[in-house]
Amino acid sequence: MSSTRSTSVPGRRTRRGPGIRGRDGLVAWLFTAPAILVLVLFLVLPILMAAWVSVSNWNGLGSPFSSKVGFVGDANYRSLLGQPGLAQTDFARSLRNNAWYVLLVVPVQTVVAMVLAVLVNQAWLKGRGFFRTSFYFPSVTSSVAITVIFLFLFSTSGVVNSVLGWMGSSGIGWFTETRGVLQIGLEGLGIKGGDGGRFMGLNWTDWLAGPSPAMLVFIIMAVFTTSGTFMLIYLSALQQIARDVDEAGTMDGASAWQRFRFITAPLLKQTTATVVTLGLIGTWQVFDQIYVGSKGGPGKTTMTPAFLSYSQSFLNNAWGRGAAIAFLLFAIIVAFTLVQALVTRDRKPRRRKEKHV
């Protein structure tokens, strides 16, 4: 029985026929075609439609592609960024509120998630499964239900103010105070900020006043509900670290804090980058808690870009401006994500040039 062996001449290219590879490619495209079609219909086309709406004067009635809808160019974007007025001031307020929300939620929830993961990963802890489930449970609970519970806890006659009353405090108007918490603290010390310069319709005192007490409630609620999810991500990464590494640190005389700081934390660098990225994306998109809890009040101190986009579109029928806010929010998220990726990327050590004698 003879067998044929394919030979190739050096320097001569061989052409591959369609054969099995061609049929496999066709079958692969047939299997992926439904998913691609769904993505095009429900993701790509709506994005393109929203891009057109953001540069038009569509009022939400009829088709956005009808002849009655006019092209206004960058007018919607200029009204938000470069044209003084109520639209710019509201957009600036939403950015200020959301910026404080991101600045406080992302680092706190990252640290809390890491600490919880390290805690429930300890071999000496009894009932680890119970604690893991308990810490993760708020993440799978309805955000509407949790928002209602927090509204009850932080109401004027709620549990939090009752506890503060027992401690000798007069309580806080969590959902009535419009000043920022930093501003309240400084004014309590007799320090009052001046008007200063203005940026996008707000003076610098407003930008630096800190989150309002109502936004602080949402910040606490965000940390409470999201830390459990990120705890599982950290826990998965911790379980991939060989115990020999930690045992080697113990044998070298390193304390628990030194082992965490110099061994565990560096090995969790990529996980931390992932957690921070997901945190940035999620915190800039906060909407449902604001919609259920405060509708942007009091005094627009809890209004976020996502909620402002909704209110401009569905309540004021300014669909072009609402779509423009959505695209600006998208640009902000992409910018923060890229900056975070550049900061946390692994840098290769520079090689020293050897001097030849």
Foldseek 3Di string as FASTA:
>chain_A
DDDDDDDDDPPDDDDDDCPPVVVVVVVVCVVCVVVVVCCCVPPVVVLVLLVQLLQWQFLPPDDCPDPVIDGNGCPLVCQCAPDDDDNVVLQVLQCLLLVLLLVQQLVVLLVLLLVLLVVLLDPPDPPSVVSLCVQQVLQPDDPLVLLVVLCQQQDQPHVVQVVVVVVVDNHDHLFQDDFAPQQVVCVVVVDHDDQDDDHSHGGVCRSPRHAGSNSVSVSVSSSSRCSSVLSVLSNVQVVVDDVVLVVVCVVVPDDPVRCCVVPVVVSCLVSSLVSSLVSLVVSLQDDPSCVSNPLCDDVNRNRHLNSVLVCCCVVVSRNNSSSSSVVVSVVVSVVVNVVSCVVSPDDDDDDDDDDDD
